[in-house]
PDB file of N, CA and C in Angstrom:
ATOM      1  N   MET A   1       0.958  -1.197  -0.084  1.00  0.00           N
ATOM      2  CA  MET A   1      -0.308   0.220   0.074  1.00  0.00           C
ATOM      3  C   MET A   1       0.873   1.114   0.052  1.00  0.00           C
ATOM      4  N   ARG A   2       0.605   2.234  -0.287  1.00  0.00           N
ATOM      5  CA  ARG A   2       1.193   3.284  -0.869  1.00  0.00           C
ATOM      6  C   ARG A   2       0.594   5.046  -0.232  1.00  0.00           C
ATOM      7  N   PRO A   3       1.290   5.418   0.294  1.00  0.00           N
ATOM      8  CA  PRO A   3       0.533   7.303   1.051  1.00  0.00           C
ATOM      9  C   PRO A   3      -0.467   7.216  -0.058  1.00  0.00           C
ATOM     10  N   GLY A   4      -2.006   7.577   0.424  1.00  0.00           N
ATOM     11  CA  GLY A   4      -2.737   7.981  -0.741  1.00  0.00           C
ATOM     12  C   GLY A   4      -3.477   6.938  -1.433  1.00  0.00           C
ATOM     13  N   GLU A   5      -3.311   6.526  -1.020  1.00  0.00           N
ATOM     14  CA  GLU A   5      -3.861   5.146  -1.850  1.00  0.00           C
ATOM     15  C   GLU A   5      -5.428   4.181  -1.229  1.00  0.00           C
ATOM     16  N   ILE A   6      -5.842   4.196  -2.175  1.00  0.00           N
ATOM     17  CA  ILE A   6      -7.808   4.232  -1.973  1.00  0.00           C
ATOM     18  C   ILE A   6      -7.478   2.697  -2.424  1.00  0.00           C
ATOM     19  N   LEU A   7      -8.436   2.042  -1.127  1.00  0.00           N
ATOM     20  CA  LEU A   7      -8.608   0.308  -1.369  1.00  0.00           C
ATOM     21  C   LEU A   7     -10.159   0.333  -0.994  1.00  0.00           C
ATOM     22  N   PRO A   8     -10.857   0.373  -2.287  1.00  0.00           N
ATOM     23  CA  PRO A   8     -12.162  -0.099  -2.266  1.00  0.00           C
ATOM     24  C   PRO A   8     -12.518  -1.556  -1.299  1.00  0.00           C
ATOM     25  N   ALA A   9     -13.728  -0.824  -0.311  1.00  0.00           N
ATOM     26  CA  ALA A   9     -14.498  -2.209   0.261  1.00  0.00           C
ATOM     27  C   ALA A   9     -15.153  -3.184  -0.153  1.00  0.00           C
ATOM     28  N   ASP A  10     -15.370  -4.145   0.447  1.00  0.00           N
ATOM     29  CA  ASP A  10     -16.401  -5.215  -0.350  1.00  0.00           C
ATOM     30  C   ASP A  10     -18.214  -4.698  -0.045  1.00  0.00           C
ATOM     31  N   ALA A  11     -18.218  -3.996   0.942  1.00  0.00           N
ATOM     32  CA  ALA A  11     -19.800  -3.879   1.542  1.00  0.00           C
ATOM     33  C   ALA A  11     -19.616  -2.031   1.509  1.00  0.00           C
ATOM     34  N   PRO A  12     -20.887  -1.451   1.108  1.00  0.00           N
ATOM     35  CA  PRO A  12     -21.142  -0.152   1.673  1.00  0.00           C
ATOM     36  C   PRO A  12     -20.457   0.551   3.020  1.00  0.00           C
ATOM     37  N   ALA A  13     -20.104   1.689   2.824  1.00  0.00           N
ATOM     38  CA  ALA A  13     -19.550   1.917   4.353  1.00  0.00           C
ATOM     39  C   ALA A  13     -20.939   2.165   5.064  1.00  0.00           C
ATOM     40  N   PRO A  14     -20.998   1.176   6.455  1.00  0.00           N
ATOM     41  CA  PRO A  14     -21.866   1.857   7.161  1.00  0.00           C
ATOM     42  C   PRO A  14     -22.473   3.381   7.372  1.00  0.00           C
ATOM     43  N   ARG A  15     -23.833   3.192   7.389  1.00  0.00           N
ATOM     44  CA  ARG A  15     -24.467   4.623   8.008  1.00  0.00           C
ATOM     45  C   ARG A  15     -24.165   5.145   9.594  1.00  0.00           C
ATOM     46  N   ALA A  16     -23.459   6.420   9.241  1.00  0.00           N
ATOM     47  CA  ALA A  16     -23.141   7.301  10.703  1.00  0.00           C
ATOM     48  C   ALA A  16     -24.883   6.701  11.957  1.00  0.00           C
ATOM     49  N   ALA A  17     -23.897   7.183  12.751  1.00  0.00           N
ATOM     50  CA  ALA A  17     -24.954   7.106  14.070  1.00  0.00           C
ATOM     51  C   ALA A  17     -25.350   8.151  13.693  1.00  0.00           C
ATOM     52  N   ARG A  18     -27.170   8.217  14.187  1.00  0.00           N
ATOM     53  CA  ARG A  18     -27.808   9.046  14.704  1.00  0.00           C
ATOM     54  C   ARG A  18     -28.817   9.129  15.626  1.00  0.00           C
ATOM     55  N   GLY A  19     -29.063  10.158  16.355  1.00  0.00           N
ATOM     56  CA  GLY A  19     -29.944  10.780  17.218  1.00  0.00           C
ATOM     57  C   GLY A  19     -31.633  10.441  16.562  1.00  0.00           C
ATOM     58  N   ARG A  20     -32.140  11.287  17.361  1.00  0.00           N
ATOM     59  CA  ARG A  20     -33.565  11.244  17.587  1.00  0.00           C
ATOM     60  C   ARG A  20     -33.926  11.670  15.392  1.00  0.00           C
ATOM     61  N   THR A  21     -35.231  11.114  15.299  1.00  0.00           N
ATOM     62  CA  THR A  21     -34.953  11.860  13.789  1.00  0.00           C
ATOM     63  C   THR A  21     -36.749  11.882  14.177  1.00  0.00           C
ATOM     64  N   ALA A  22     -37.316  12.727  12.877  1.00  0.00           N
ATOM     65  CA  ALA A  22     -38.510  12.992  12.704  1.00  0.00           C
ATOM     66  C   ALA A  22     -38.908  13.251  11.264  1.00  0.00           C
ATOM     67  N   THR A  23     -40.170  13.260  10.582  1.00  0.00           N
ATOM     68  CA  THR A  23     -40.745  13.702   9.622  1.00  0.00           C
ATOM     69  C   THR A  23     -41.692  14.883   9.752  1.00  0.00           C
ATOM     70  N   ILE A  24     -41.394  15.794   9.422  1.00  0.00           N
ATOM     71  CA  ILE A  24     -42.372  16.730   9.017  1.00  0.00           C
ATOM     72  C   ILE A  24     -42.688  17.835   8.132  1.00  0.00           C
ATOM     73  N   ALA A  25     -43.732  18.639   7.668  1.00  0.00           N
ATOM     74  CA  ALA A  25     -44.320  19.272   6.418  1.00  0.00           C
ATOM     75  C   ALA A  25     -43.630  20.424   6.557  1.00  0.00           C
ATOM     76  N   ILE A  26     -43.271  20.779   5.824  1.00  0.00           N
ATOM     77  CA  ILE A  26     -42.721  22.785   5.631  1.00  0.00           C
ATOM     78  C   ILE A  26     -43.295  23.113   4.104  1.00  0.00           C
ATOM     79  N   ARG A  27     -43.882  23.805   4.642  1.00  0.00           N
ATOM     80  CA  ARG A  27     -44.959  25.183   3.644  1.00  0.00           C
ATOM     81  C   ARG A  27     -43.951  26.453   3.169  1.00  0.00           C
ATOM     82  N   ASN A  28     -43.647  26.675   2.235  1.00  0.00           N
ATOM     83  CA  ASN A  28     -42.675  27.722   1.578  1.00  0.00           C
ATOM     84  C   ASN A  28     -44.549  29.169   1.362  1.00  0.00           C
ATOM     85  N   ALA A  29     -44.058  30.119   2.698  1.00  0.00           N
ATOM     86  CA  ALA A  29     -45.278  30.916   2.414  1.00  0.00           C
ATOM     87  C   ALA A  29     -44.886  32.396   1.406  1.00  0.00           C
ATOM     88  N   GLY A  30     -43.787  32.150   1.076  1.00  0.00           N
ATOM     89  CA  GLY A  30     -43.234  33.255   0.206  1.00  0.00           C
ATOM     90  C   GLY A  30     -42.969  33.263  -1.508  1.00  0.00           C
ATOM     91  N   ARG A  31     -43.196  34.004  -2.132  1.00  0.00           N
ATOM     92  CA  ARG A  31     -43.324  34.209  -3.502  1.00  0.00           C
ATOM     93  C   ARG A  31     -42.258  33.293  -4.377  1.00  0.00           C
ATOM     94  N   PHE A  32     -41.042  32.827  -3.302  1.00  0.00           N
ATOM     95  CA  PHE A  32     -39.591  32.575  -4.128  1.00  0.00           C
ATOM     96  C   PHE A  32     -39.439  31.251  -3.391  1.00  0.00           C
ATOM     97  N   ASP A  33     -38.413  30.081  -4.307  1.00  0.00           N
ATOM     98  CA  ASP A  33     -38.345  29.154  -3.851  1.00  0.00           C
ATOM     99  C   ASP A  33     -37.274  29.705  -2.184  1.00  0.00           C
ATOM    100  N   ALA A  34     -37.020  28.411  -1.997  1.00  0.00           N
ATOM    101  CA  ALA A  34     -36.310  28.293  -0.726  1.00  0.00           C
ATOM    102  C   ALA A  34     -35.682  27.022  -0.672  1.00  0.00           C
ATOM    103  N   TYR A  35     -34.146  27.173   0.201  1.00  0.00           N
ATOM    104  CA  TYR A  35     -33.853  25.885   0.444  1.00  0.00           C
ATOM    105  C   TYR A  35     -33.381  25.256   1.891  1.00  0.00           C
ATOM    106  N   LEU A  36     -33.291  24.308   1.910  1.00  0.00           N
ATOM    107  CA  LEU A  36     -32.974  23.635   3.585  1.00  0.00           C
ATOM    108  C   LEU A  36     -31.568  23.286   2.871  1.00  0.00           C
ATOM    109  N   THR A  37     -30.426  23.353   3.616  1.00  0.00           N
ATOM    110  CA  THR A  37     -29.536  22.810   3.188  1.00  0.00           C
ATOM    111  C   THR A  37     -29.063  21.816   4.715  1.00  0.00           C
ATOM    112  N   SER A  38     -27.937  21.085   4.402  1.00  0.00           N
ATOM    113  CA  SER A  38     -27.952  19.960   5.486  1.00  0.00           C
ATOM    114  C   SER A  38     -27.218  20.238   6.553  1.00  0.00           C
ATOM    115  N   HIS A  39     -26.415  21.466   6.785  1.00  0.00           N
ATOM    116  CA  HIS A  39     -25.497  21.736   7.938  1.00  0.00           C
ATOM    117  C   HIS A  39     -26.734  23.196   8.673  1.00  0.00           C
ATOM    118  N   VAL A  40     -27.932  23.786   8.184  1.00  0.00           N
ATOM    119  CA  VAL A  40     -28.310  24.801   9.040  1.00  0.00           C
ATOM    120  C   VAL A  40     -29.150  23.993   9.974  1.00  0.00           C
ATOM    121  N   ARG A  41     -29.295  24.582  11.426  1.00  0.00           N
ATOM    122  CA  ARG A  41     -30.547  24.757  12.096  1.00  0.00           C
ATOM    123  C   ARG A  41     -31.747  25.008  11.605  1.00  0.00           C
ATOM    124  N   LEU A  42     -33.317  24.019  11.342  1.00  0.00           N
ATOM    125  CA  LEU A  42     -33.965  24.865  11.158  1.00  0.00           C
ATOM    126  C   LEU A  42     -34.432  25.769  11.492  1.00  0.00           C
ATOM    127  N   GLU A  43     -34.352  26.210  13.049  1.00  0.00           N
ATOM    128  CA  GLU A  43     -34.706  27.351  13.384  1.00  0.00           C
ATOM    129  C   GLU A  43     -33.956  28.668  12.798  1.00  0.00           C
ATOM    130  N   ARG A  44     -33.158  28.950  12.179  1.00  0.00           N
ATOM    131  CA  ARG A  44     -32.268  29.362  11.157  1.00  0.00           C
ATOM    132  C   ARG A  44     -33.193  29.503   9.811  1.00  0.00           C
ATOM    133  N   ALA A  45     -34.131  28.851   9.419  1.00  0.00           N
ATOM    134  CA  ALA A  45     -34.289  28.124   8.221  1.00  0.00           C
ATOM    135  C   ALA A  45     -35.282  29.781   7.793  1.00  0.00           C
ATOM    136  N   SER A  46     -35.622  30.421   6.371  1.00  0.00           N
ATOM    137  CA  SER A  46     -36.317  31.600   6.151  1.00  0.00           C
ATOM    138  C   SER A  46     -37.343  31.408   6.477  1.00  0.00           C
ATOM    139  N   ALA A  47     -37.470  32.602   7.051  1.00  0.00           N
ATOM    140  CA  ALA A  47     -38.860  33.296   7.497  1.00  0.00           C
ATOM    141  C   ALA A  47     -39.891  32.485   6.929  1.00  0.00           C
ATOM    142  N   ALA A  48     -40.052  32.808   5.567  1.00  0.00           N
ATOM    143  CA  ALA A  48     -41.571  32.354   4.315  1.00  0.00           C
ATOM    144  C   ALA A  48     -41.390  30.588   4.848  1.00  0.00           C
ATOM    145  N   LEU A  49     -40.521  29.790   5.138  1.00  0.00           N
ATOM    146  CA  LEU A  49     -41.126  28.811   5.362  1.00  0.00           C
ATOM    147  C   LEU A  49     -41.543  28.447   6.928  1.00  0.00           C
ATOM    148  N   GLU A  50     -42.805  27.635   6.666  1.00  0.00           N
ATOM    149  CA  GLU A  50     -43.932  27.764   7.709  1.00  0.00           C
ATOM    150  C   GLU A  50     -43.928  26.086   8.534  1.00  0.00           C
ATOM    151  N   PHE A  51     -43.227  26.295   9.539  1.00  0.00           N
ATOM    152  CA  PHE A  51     -43.352  24.729  10.600  1.00  0.00           C
ATOM    153  C   PHE A  51     -43.277  24.919  11.890  1.00  0.00           C
ATOM    154  N   ASP A  52     -43.351  23.995  12.890  1.00  0.00           N
ATOM    155  CA  ASP A  52     -43.477  24.537  14.008  1.00  0.00           C
ATOM    156  C   ASP A  52     -41.742  24.436  14.466  1.00  0.00           C
ATOM    157  N   ARG A  53     -41.373  25.634  14.881  1.00  0.00           N
ATOM    158  CA  ARG A  53     -39.847  26.046  15.061  1.00  0.00           C
ATOM    159  C   ARG A  53     -39.673  25.485  16.294  1.00  0.00           C
ATOM    160  N   ASP A  54     -40.433  25.925  17.189  1.00  0.00           N
ATOM    161  CA  ASP A  54     -40.561  25.489  18.778  1.00  0.00           C
ATOM    162  C   ASP A  54     -40.077  23.938  19.292  1.00  0.00           C
ATOM    163  N   ALA A  55     -40.843  22.815  17.846  1.00  0.00           N
ATOM    164  CA  ALA A  55     -40.835  21.511  18.198  1.00  0.00           C
ATOM    165  C   ALA A  55     -39.625  21.159  17.475  1.00  0.00           C
ATOM    166  N   VAL A  56     -38.953  21.704  17.045  1.00  0.00           N
ATOM    167  CA  VAL A  56     -38.091  21.419  16.106  1.00  0.00           C
ATOM    168  C   VAL A  56     -36.563  22.117  16.309  1.00  0.00           C
ATOM    169  N   ALA A  57     -36.468  22.612  17.691  1.00  0.00           N
ATOM    170  CA  ALA A  57     -35.372  23.442  18.382  1.00  0.00           C
ATOM    171  C   ALA A  57     -34.019  22.264  18.024  1.00  0.00           C
ATOM    172  N   GLY A  58     -32.740  22.965  17.282  1.00  0.00           N
ATOM    173  CA  GLY A  58     -31.515  22.174  17.191  1.00  0.00           C
ATOM    174  C   GLY A  58     -31.755  21.005  16.484  1.00  0.00           C
ATOM    175  N   ALA A  59     -33.025  20.850  15.432  1.00  0.00           N
ATOM    176  CA  ALA A  59     -32.579  19.685  14.369  1.00  0.00           C
ATOM    177  C   ALA A  59     -32.342  20.408  12.621  1.00  0.00           C
ATOM    178  N   ARG A  60     -31.744  19.490  12.073  1.00  0.00           N
ATOM    179  CA  ARG A  60     -31.534  20.078  10.755  1.00  0.00           C
ATOM    180  C   ARG A  60     -31.338  19.089   9.955  1.00  0.00           C
ATOM    181  N   PRO A  61     -31.888  19.105   8.819  1.00  0.00           N
ATOM    182  CA  PRO A  61     -32.710  18.029   7.505  1.00  0.00           C
ATOM    183  C   PRO A  61     -31.249  16.888   7.719  1.00  0.00           C
ATOM    184  N   LEU A  62     -32.039  15.717   7.564  1.00  0.00           N
ATOM    185  CA  LEU A  62     -31.624  14.555   7.904  1.00  0.00           C
ATOM    186  C   LEU A  62     -30.783  14.413   6.120  1.00  0.00           C
ATOM    187  N   LEU A  63     -29.768  14.967   5.281  1.00  0.00           N
ATOM    188  CA  LEU A  63     -29.333  15.033   4.143  1.00  0.00           C
ATOM    189  C   LEU A  63     -27.778  14.732   4.391  1.00  0.00           C
ATOM    190  N   PRO A  64     -27.482  14.575   3.509  1.00  0.00           N
ATOM    191  CA  PRO A  64     -25.632  14.128   3.276  1.00  0.00           C
ATOM    192  C   PRO A  64     -25.044  15.894   2.817  1.00  0.00           C
ATOM    193  N   ALA A  65     -23.652  15.322   3.530  1.00  0.00           N
ATOM    194  CA  ALA A  65     -23.185  16.837   3.384  1.00  0.00           C
ATOM    195  C   ALA A  65     -23.406  17.884   2.769  1.00  0.00           C
ATOM    196  N   GLY A  66     -23.784  18.700   2.772  1.00  0.00           N
ATOM    197  CA  GLY A  66     -23.563  19.890   1.551  1.00  0.00           C
ATOM    198  C   GLY A  66     -24.676  19.581   0.637  1.00  0.00           C
ATOM    199  N   ALA A  67     -25.375  18.809   0.917  1.00  0.00           N
ATOM    200  CA  ALA A  67     -26.871  18.648   0.185  1.00  0.00           C
ATOM    201  C   ALA A  67     -27.930  19.773   0.265  1.00  0.00           C
ATOM    202  N   SER A  68     -28.963  20.307  -0.144  1.00  0.00           N
ATOM    203  CA  SER A  68     -30.354  20.698   0.078  1.00  0.00           C
ATOM    204  C   SER A  68     -31.289  20.100  -0.846  1.00  0.00           C
ATOM    205  N   THR A  69     -32.376  20.284  -0.026  1.00  0.00           N
ATOM    206  CA  THR A  69     -34.125  20.357  -0.886  1.00  0.00           C
ATOM    207  C   THR A  69     -34.628  21.468  -1.107  1.00  0.00           C
ATOM    208  N   ARG A  70     -35.413  21.597  -2.267  1.00  0.00           N
ATOM    209  CA  ARG A  70     -35.564  22.979  -2.485  1.00  0.00           C
ATOM    210  C   ARG A  70     -37.429  22.651  -2.223  1.00  0.00           C
ATOM    211  N   VAL A  71     -37.796  23.712  -1.413  1.00  0.00           N
ATOM    212  CA  VAL A  71     -39.146  24.294  -1.164  1.00  0.00           C
ATOM    213  C   VAL A  71     -39.513  25.171  -2.457  1.00  0.00           C
ATOM    214  N   GLY A  72     -40.277  24.613  -3.032  1.00  0.00           N
ATOM    215  CA  GLY A  72     -40.866  25.967  -4.053  1.00  0.00           C
ATOM    216  C   GLY A  72     -42.223  26.898  -3.419  1.00  0.00           C
ATOM    217  N   ALA A  73     -41.888  27.713  -4.084  1.00  0.00           N
ATOM    218  CA  ALA A  73     -43.412  29.135  -3.751  1.00  0.00           C
ATOM    219  C   ALA A  73     -44.416  28.065  -3.679  1.00  0.00           C
ATOM    220  N   GLY A  74     -44.881  28.391  -2.641  1.00  0.00           N
ATOM    221  CA  GLY A  74     -46.410  27.771  -2.313  1.00  0.00           C
ATOM    222  C   GLY A  74     -46.625  26.025  -2.280  1.00  0.00           C
ATOM    223  N   GLU A  75     -45.627  25.394  -2.393  1.00  0.00           N
ATOM    224  CA  GLU A  75     -45.558  23.996  -1.937  1.00  0.00           C
ATOM    225  C   GLU A  75     -45.183  24.127  -0.484  1.00  0.00           C
ATOM    226  N   THR A  76     -45.754  22.596  -0.559  1.00  0.00           N
ATOM    227  CA  THR A  76     -45.637  21.853   0.918  1.00  0.00           C
ATOM    228  C   THR A  76     -44.485  20.956   0.358  1.00  0.00           C
ATOM    229  N   VAL A  77     -43.177  20.284   1.454  1.00  0.00           N
ATOM    230  CA  VAL A  77     -42.665  19.098   1.409  1.00  0.00           C
ATOM    231  C   VAL A  77     -42.608  18.483   2.866  1.00  0.00           C
ATOM    232  N   GLU A  78     -42.365  17.310   2.939  1.00  0.00           N
ATOM    233  CA  GLU A  78     -41.845  16.493   4.066  1.00  0.00           C
ATOM    234  C   GLU A  78     -40.626  16.313   4.010  1.00  0.00           C
ATOM    235  N   VAL A  79     -39.976  16.552   4.863  1.00  0.00           N
ATOM    236  CA  VAL A  79     -37.985  16.776   5.184  1.00  0.00           C
ATOM    237  C   VAL A  79     -37.957  15.925   6.584  1.00  0.00           C
ATOM    238  N   GLU A  80     -37.376  14.752   6.393  1.00  0.00           N
ATOM    239  CA  GLU A  80     -36.803  14.508   7.561  1.00  0.00           C
ATOM    240  C   GLU A  80     -35.693  15.000   8.089  1.00  0.00           C
ATOM    241  N   VAL A  81     -35.898  15.272   9.473  1.00  0.00           N
ATOM    242  CA  VAL A  81     -34.855  15.842  10.665  1.00  0.00           C
ATOM    243  C   VAL A  81     -34.164  14.875  11.129  1.00  0.00           C
ATOM    244  N   THR A  82     -33.013  15.691  12.198  1.00  0.00           N
ATOM    245  CA  THR A  82     -32.702  14.727  13.279  1.00  0.00           C
ATOM    246  C   THR A  82     -31.911  15.654  14.006  1.00  0.00           C
ATOM    247  N   TRP A  83     -32.090  15.059  15.369  1.00  0.00           N
ATOM    248  CA  TRP A  83     -31.156  16.363  16.395  1.00  0.00           C
ATOM    249  C   TRP A  83     -30.002  14.963  17.132  1.00  0.00           C
ATOM    250  N   SER A  84     -28.788  15.641  15.673  1.00  0.00           N
ATOM    251  CA  SER A  84     -27.428  15.136  16.189  1.00  0.00           C
ATOM    252  C   SER A  84     -26.474  15.447  16.730  1.00  0.00           C
TER     253      SER A  84
END
């Protein structure tokens, strides 16, 4: 093996352990699309997004690092969130 060499595994990498999860409905009451990114806590999301912010305090969308979910203007989407 050489420094920096990558050895592929026979099986997919295990998912990271996670804490509590839930699925919530988020409605975009604004005129423009809004995006929820993987690293932002939901209480800091756009004010145009309607959901129970107190119930999800400290949670973030359960998405891979760097990913986002689009919520179109006037749309409602279900998003899985995690407290980890």
